[in-house]
Amino acid sequence: AQLLALLGEPGTPTSGTSSPGAAASAEGAP
């Protein structure tokens, strides 16, 4: 359950908006 919470449920995006040194966009990011 912990790993699934971090990785995301099946069918959701596997990554998100991210750039080095910056926070990922909360929208859509696991």
Full PDB file with SEQRES, HELIX, SHEET, SSBOND, CRYST1, ORIGX, SCALE, CONECT and MASTER records, all heavy atoms in Angstrom:
SEQRES   1 A   30  ALA GLN LEU LEU ALA LEU LEU GLY GLU PRO GLY THR PRO          
SEQRES   2 A   30  THR SER GLY THR SER SER PRO GLY ALA ALA ALA SER ALA          
SEQRES   3 A   30  GLU GLY ALA PRO                                              
HELIX    1 AA1 GLN A    2  LEU A    7  1                                   6    
CRYST1    1.000    1.000    1.000  90.00  90.00  90.00 P 1           1          
ORIGX1      1.000000  0.000000  0.000000        0.00000                         
ORIGX2      0.000000  1.000000  0.000000        0.00000                         
ORIGX3      0.000000  0.000000  1.000000        0.00000                         
SCALE1      1.000000  0.000000  0.000000        0.00000                         
SCALE2      0.000000  1.000000  0.000000        0.00000                         
SCALE3      0.000000  0.000000  1.000000        0.00000                         
ATOM      1  N   ALA A   1       0.831  -1.209   0.000  1.00  0.00           N  
ATOM      2  CA  ALA A   1       0.000   0.000   0.000  1.00  0.00           C  
ATOM      3  C   ALA A   1       0.862   1.255   0.000  1.00  0.00           C  
ATOM      4  O   ALA A   1       0.537   2.251  -0.664  1.00  0.00           O  
ATOM      5  CB  ALA A   1      -0.922  -0.007   1.215  1.00  0.00           C  
ATOM      6  N   GLN A   2       1.972   1.227   0.741  1.00  0.00           N  
ATOM      7  CA  GLN A   2       2.866   2.391   0.766  1.00  0.00           C  
ATOM      8  C   GLN A   2       3.506   2.626  -0.596  1.00  0.00           C  
ATOM      9  O   GLN A   2       3.556   3.752  -1.090  1.00  0.00           O  
ATOM     10  CB  GLN A   2       3.960   2.166   1.808  1.00  0.00           C  
ATOM     11  CG  GLN A   2       3.454   2.005   3.230  1.00  0.00           C  
ATOM     12  CD  GLN A   2       4.575   1.623   4.162  1.00  0.00           C  
ATOM     13  OE1 GLN A   2       5.561   2.350   4.303  1.00  0.00           O  
ATOM     14  NE2 GLN A   2       4.455   0.481   4.805  1.00  0.00           N  
ATOM     15  N   LEU A   3       4.003   1.549  -1.199  1.00  0.00           N  
ATOM     16  CA  LEU A   3       4.636   1.664  -2.512  1.00  0.00           C  
ATOM     17  C   LEU A   3       3.644   2.127  -3.558  1.00  0.00           C  
ATOM     18  O   LEU A   3       3.964   2.938  -4.432  1.00  0.00           O  
ATOM     19  CB  LEU A   3       5.236   0.312  -2.903  1.00  0.00           C  
ATOM     20  CG  LEU A   3       6.400  -0.162  -2.022  1.00  0.00           C  
ATOM     21  CD1 LEU A   3       6.624  -1.663  -2.193  1.00  0.00           C  
ATOM     22  CD2 LEU A   3       7.670   0.602  -2.342  1.00  0.00           C  
ATOM     23  N   LEU A   4       2.420   1.631  -3.464  1.00  0.00           N  
ATOM     24  CA  LEU A   4       1.387   2.015  -4.418  1.00  0.00           C  
ATOM     25  C   LEU A   4       1.012   3.482  -4.251  1.00  0.00           C  
ATOM     26  O   LEU A   4       0.778   4.194  -5.238  1.00  0.00           O  
ATOM     27  CB  LEU A   4       0.164   1.121  -4.221  1.00  0.00           C  
ATOM     28  CG  LEU A   4      -0.882   1.093  -5.332  1.00  0.00           C  
ATOM     29  CD1 LEU A   4      -0.268   0.723  -6.669  1.00  0.00           C  
ATOM     30  CD2 LEU A   4      -1.996   0.119  -4.969  1.00  0.00           C  
ATOM     31  N   ALA A   5       0.982   3.964  -3.016  1.00  0.00           N  
ATOM     32  CA  ALA A   5       0.687   5.385  -2.788  1.00  0.00           C  
ATOM     33  C   ALA A   5       1.753   6.263  -3.423  1.00  0.00           C  
ATOM     34  O   ALA A   5       1.451   7.332  -3.971  1.00  0.00           O  
ATOM     35  CB  ALA A   5       0.586   5.669  -1.288  1.00  0.00           C  
ATOM     36  N   LEU A   6       3.009   5.837  -3.351  1.00  0.00           N  
ATOM     37  CA  LEU A   6       4.101   6.629  -3.922  1.00  0.00           C  
ATOM     38  C   LEU A   6       4.127   6.544  -5.442  1.00  0.00           C  
ATOM     39  O   LEU A   6       4.311   7.556  -6.129  1.00  0.00           O  
ATOM     40  CB  LEU A   6       5.437   6.162  -3.349  1.00  0.00           C  
ATOM     41  CG  LEU A   6       5.677   6.510  -1.875  1.00  0.00           C  
ATOM     42  CD1 LEU A   6       6.848   5.709  -1.328  1.00  0.00           C  
ATOM     43  CD2 LEU A   6       5.931   7.994  -1.700  1.00  0.00           C  
ATOM     44  N   LEU A   7       3.945   5.341  -5.981  1.00  0.00           N  
ATOM     45  CA  LEU A   7       4.030   5.147  -7.425  1.00  0.00           C  
ATOM     46  C   LEU A   7       2.759   5.573  -8.154  1.00  0.00           C  
ATOM     47  O   LEU A   7       2.814   5.962  -9.323  1.00  0.00           O  
ATOM     48  CB  LEU A   7       4.324   3.676  -7.749  1.00  0.00           C  
ATOM     49  CG  LEU A   7       5.708   3.168  -7.349  1.00  0.00           C  
ATOM     50  CD1 LEU A   7       5.805   1.664  -7.605  1.00  0.00           C  
ATOM     51  CD2 LEU A   7       6.801   3.898  -8.108  1.00  0.00           C  
ATOM     52  N   GLY A   8       1.620   5.513  -7.477  1.00  0.00           N  
ATOM     53  CA  GLY A   8       0.346   5.852  -8.092  1.00  0.00           C  
ATOM     54  C   GLY A   8      -0.425   4.604  -8.473  1.00  0.00           C  
ATOM     55  O   GLY A   8       0.143   3.545  -8.740  1.00  0.00           O  
ATOM     56  N   GLU A   9      -1.733   4.714  -8.493  1.00  0.00           N  
ATOM     57  CA  GLU A   9      -2.585   3.596  -8.864  1.00  0.00           C  
ATOM     58  C   GLU A   9      -2.448   3.287 -10.362  1.00  0.00           C  
ATOM     59  O   GLU A   9      -2.091   4.168 -11.153  1.00  0.00           O  
ATOM     60  CB  GLU A   9      -4.048   3.919  -8.547  1.00  0.00           C  
ATOM     61  CG  GLU A   9      -4.384   3.906  -7.072  1.00  0.00           C  
ATOM     62  CD  GLU A   9      -4.533   2.505  -6.501  1.00  0.00           C  
ATOM     63  OE1 GLU A   9      -4.568   1.534  -7.284  1.00  0.00           O  
ATOM     64  OE2 GLU A   9      -4.596   2.383  -5.257  1.00  0.00           O  
ATOM     65  N   PRO A  10      -2.714   2.041 -10.761  1.00  0.00           N  
ATOM     66  CA  PRO A  10      -2.656   1.696 -12.189  1.00  0.00           C  
ATOM     67  C   PRO A  10      -3.540   2.611 -13.022  1.00  0.00           C  
ATOM     68  O   PRO A  10      -4.646   2.978 -12.621  1.00  0.00           O  
ATOM     69  CB  PRO A  10      -3.176   0.253 -12.218  1.00  0.00           C  
ATOM     70  CG  PRO A  10      -2.871  -0.283 -10.861  1.00  0.00           C  
ATOM     71  CD  PRO A  10      -3.040   0.872  -9.922  1.00  0.00           C  
ATOM     72  N   GLY A  11      -3.014   3.011 -14.166  1.00  0.00           N  
ATOM     73  CA  GLY A  11      -3.779   3.855 -15.075  1.00  0.00           C  
ATOM     74  C   GLY A  11      -3.558   5.340 -14.911  1.00  0.00           C  
ATOM     75  O   GLY A  11      -4.029   6.127 -15.728  1.00  0.00           O  
ATOM     76  N   THR A  12      -2.804   5.747 -13.864  1.00  0.00           N  
ATOM     77  CA  THR A  12      -2.520   7.164 -13.668  1.00  0.00           C  
ATOM     78  C   THR A  12      -1.170   7.498 -14.304  1.00  0.00           C  
ATOM     79  O   THR A  12      -0.390   6.610 -14.618  1.00  0.00           O  
ATOM     80  CB  THR A  12      -2.500   7.518 -12.172  1.00  0.00           C  
ATOM     81  OG1 THR A  12      -1.515   6.702 -11.511  1.00  0.00           O  
ATOM     82  CG2 THR A  12      -3.859   7.248 -11.541  1.00  0.00           C  
ATOM     83  N   PRO A  13      -0.861   8.786 -14.511  1.00  0.00           N  
ATOM     84  CA  PRO A  13       0.429   9.155 -15.122  1.00  0.00           C  
ATOM     85  C   PRO A  13       1.598   8.590 -14.329  1.00  0.00           C  
ATOM     86  O   PRO A  13       1.559   8.525 -13.093  1.00  0.00           O  
ATOM     87  CB  PRO A  13       0.410  10.681 -15.093  1.00  0.00           C  
ATOM     88  CG  PRO A  13      -1.046  11.038 -15.101  1.00  0.00           C  
ATOM     89  CD  PRO A  13      -1.719   9.970 -14.297  1.00  0.00           C  
ATOM     90  N   THR A  14       2.648   8.178 -15.029  1.00  0.00           N  
ATOM     91  CA  THR A  14       3.814   7.603 -14.358  1.00  0.00           C  
ATOM     92  C   THR A  14       4.843   8.644 -13.985  1.00  0.00           C  
ATOM     93  O   THR A  14       5.772   8.368 -13.243  1.00  0.00           O  
ATOM     94  CB  THR A  14       4.485   6.543 -15.257  1.00  0.00           C  
ATOM     95  OG1 THR A  14       4.875   7.159 -16.493  1.00  0.00           O  
ATOM     96  CG2 THR A  14       3.523   5.406 -15.539  1.00  0.00           C  
ATOM     97  N   SER A  15       4.724   9.844 -14.505  1.00  0.00           N  
ATOM     98  CA  SER A  15       5.617  10.936 -14.136  1.00  0.00           C  
ATOM     99  C   SER A  15       4.815  12.220 -14.246  1.00  0.00           C  
ATOM    100  O   SER A  15       3.605  12.202 -14.453  1.00  0.00           O  
ATOM    101  CB  SER A  15       6.853  10.977 -15.035  1.00  0.00           C  
ATOM    102  OG  SER A  15       6.491  11.137 -16.383  1.00  0.00           O  
ATOM    103  N   GLY A  16       5.475  13.343 -14.089  1.00  0.00           N  
ATOM    104  CA  GLY A  16       4.768  14.613 -14.131  1.00  0.00           C  
ATOM    105  C   GLY A  16       5.685  15.722 -14.561  1.00  0.00           C  
ATOM    106  O   GLY A  16       6.836  15.500 -14.916  1.00  0.00           O  
ATOM    107  N   THR A  17       5.181  16.932 -14.520  1.00  0.00           N  
ATOM    108  CA  THR A  17       5.981  18.082 -14.897  1.00  0.00           C  
ATOM    109  C   THR A  17       7.070  18.281 -13.857  1.00  0.00           C  
ATOM    110  O   THR A  17       6.808  18.443 -12.684  1.00  0.00           O  
ATOM    111  CB  THR A  17       5.108  19.335 -14.978  1.00  0.00           C  
ATOM    112  OG1 THR A  17       4.070  19.091 -15.917  1.00  0.00           O  
ATOM    113  CG2 THR A  17       5.925  20.527 -15.417  1.00  0.00           C  
ATOM    114  N   SER A  18       8.302  18.257 -14.302  1.00  0.00           N  
ATOM    115  CA  SER A  18       9.429  18.415 -13.377  1.00  0.00           C  
ATOM    116  C   SER A  18      10.594  19.047 -14.107  1.00  0.00           C  
ATOM    117  O   SER A  18      10.774  18.866 -15.301  1.00  0.00           O  
ATOM    118  CB  SER A  18       9.848  17.053 -12.814  1.00  0.00           C  
ATOM    119  OG  SER A  18      10.976  17.177 -11.994  1.00  0.00           O  
ATOM    120  N   SER A  19      11.386  19.799 -13.402  1.00  0.00           N  
ATOM    121  CA  SER A  19      12.628  20.327 -13.940  1.00  0.00           C  
ATOM    122  C   SER A  19      13.675  20.249 -12.847  1.00  0.00           C  
ATOM    123  O   SER A  19      13.346  20.317 -11.665  1.00  0.00           O  
ATOM    124  CB  SER A  19      12.461  21.774 -14.404  1.00  0.00           C  
ATOM    125  OG  SER A  19      12.063  22.597 -13.333  1.00  0.00           O  
ATOM    126  N   PRO A  20      14.940  20.032 -13.208  1.00  0.00           N  
ATOM    127  CA  PRO A  20      15.980  19.901 -12.189  1.00  0.00           C  
ATOM    128  C   PRO A  20      15.990  21.079 -11.214  1.00  0.00           C  
ATOM    129  O   PRO A  20      15.982  22.227 -11.609  1.00  0.00           O  
ATOM    130  CB  PRO A  20      17.267  19.843 -13.022  1.00  0.00           C  
ATOM    131  CG  PRO A  20      16.825  19.305 -14.342  1.00  0.00           C  
ATOM    132  CD  PRO A  20      15.449  19.896 -14.562  1.00  0.00           C  
ATOM    133  N   GLY A  21      15.991  20.734  -9.915  1.00  0.00           N  
ATOM    134  CA  GLY A  21      16.077  21.761  -8.889  1.00  0.00           C  
ATOM    135  C   GLY A  21      14.776  22.477  -8.605  1.00  0.00           C  
ATOM    136  O   GLY A  21      14.725  23.387  -7.800  1.00  0.00           O  
ATOM    137  N   ALA A  22      13.686  22.067  -9.283  1.00  0.00           N  
ATOM    138  CA  ALA A  22      12.408  22.734  -9.070  1.00  0.00           C  
ATOM    139  C   ALA A  22      11.372  21.719  -8.652  1.00  0.00           C  
ATOM    140  O   ALA A  22      11.453  20.542  -8.981  1.00  0.00           O  
ATOM    141  CB  ALA A  22      11.962  23.454 -10.345  1.00  0.00           C  
ATOM    142  N   ALA A  23      10.367  22.182  -7.926  1.00  0.00           N  
ATOM    143  CA  ALA A  23       9.303  21.285  -7.482  1.00  0.00           C  
ATOM    144  C   ALA A  23       8.452  20.860  -8.664  1.00  0.00           C  
ATOM    145  O   ALA A  23       8.189  21.633  -9.573  1.00  0.00           O  
ATOM    146  CB  ALA A  23       8.440  21.985  -6.429  1.00  0.00           C  
ATOM    147  N   ALA A  24       8.015  19.600  -8.632  1.00  0.00           N  
ATOM    148  CA  ALA A  24       7.139  19.106  -9.683  1.00  0.00           C  
ATOM    149  C   ALA A  24       5.759  19.738  -9.523  1.00  0.00           C  
ATOM    150  O   ALA A  24       5.320  20.086  -8.434  1.00  0.00           O  
ATOM    151  CB  ALA A  24       7.039  17.588  -9.595  1.00  0.00           C  
ATOM    152  N   SER A  25       5.083  19.885 -10.631  1.00  0.00           N  
ATOM    153  CA  SER A  25       3.712  20.359 -10.599  1.00  0.00           C  
ATOM    154  C   SER A  25       2.864  19.362  -9.838  1.00  0.00           C  
ATOM    155  O   SER A  25       2.942  18.155 -10.058  1.00  0.00           O  
ATOM    156  CB  SER A  25       3.186  20.520 -12.027  1.00  0.00           C  
ATOM    157  OG  SER A  25       1.791  20.707 -12.017  1.00  0.00           O  
ATOM    158  N   ALA A  26       2.062  19.833  -8.901  1.00  0.00           N  
ATOM    159  CA  ALA A  26       1.198  18.946  -8.131  1.00  0.00           C  
ATOM    160  C   ALA A  26       0.169  18.275  -9.025  1.00  0.00           C  
ATOM    161  O   ALA A  26      -0.271  17.161  -8.755  1.00  0.00           O  
ATOM    162  CB  ALA A  26       0.504  19.726  -7.014  1.00  0.00           C  
ATOM    163  N   GLU A  27      -0.206  18.922 -10.102  1.00  0.00           N  
ATOM    164  CA  GLU A  27      -1.238  18.386 -10.975  1.00  0.00           C  
ATOM    165  C   GLU A  27      -0.675  17.256 -11.832  1.00  0.00           C  
ATOM    166  O   GLU A  27       0.202  17.459 -12.661  1.00  0.00           O  
ATOM    167  CB  GLU A  27      -1.794  19.487 -11.891  1.00  0.00           C  
ATOM    168  CG  GLU A  27      -2.934  19.015 -12.778  1.00  0.00           C  
ATOM    169  CD  GLU A  27      -3.503  20.125 -13.637  1.00  0.00           C  
ATOM    170  OE1 GLU A  27      -3.065  21.281 -13.452  1.00  0.00           O  
ATOM    171  OE2 GLU A  27      -4.362  19.837 -14.471  1.00  0.00           O  
ATOM    172  N   GLY A  28      -1.167  16.051 -11.606  1.00  0.00           N  
ATOM    173  CA  GLY A  28      -0.785  14.918 -12.425  1.00  0.00           C  
ATOM    174  C   GLY A  28       0.495  14.221 -12.020  1.00  0.00           C  
ATOM    175  O   GLY A  28       0.793  13.149 -12.535  1.00  0.00           O  
ATOM    176  N   ALA A  29       1.281  14.777 -11.130  1.00  0.00           N  
ATOM    177  CA  ALA A  29       2.548  14.155 -10.739  1.00  0.00           C  
ATOM    178  C   ALA A  29       2.307  13.127  -9.642  1.00  0.00           C  
ATOM    179  O   ALA A  29       1.587  13.394  -8.683  1.00  0.00           O  
ATOM    180  CB  ALA A  29       3.534  15.206 -10.263  1.00  0.00           C  
ATOM    181  N   PRO A  30       2.906  11.941  -9.747  1.00  0.00           N  
ATOM    182  CA  PRO A  30       2.778  10.967  -8.662  1.00  0.00           C  
ATOM    183  C   PRO A  30       3.488  11.446  -7.409  1.00  0.00           C  
ATOM    184  O   PRO A  30       4.359  12.316  -7.462  1.00  0.00           O  
ATOM    185  CB  PRO A  30       3.437   9.712  -9.237  1.00  0.00           C  
ATOM    186  CG  PRO A  30       4.364  10.218 -10.289  1.00  0.00           C  
ATOM    187  CD  PRO A  30       3.731  11.455 -10.853  1.00  0.00           C  
TER     188      PRO A  30                                                      
MASTER        0    0    0    1    0    0    0    6  187    1    0    3          
END                                                                             
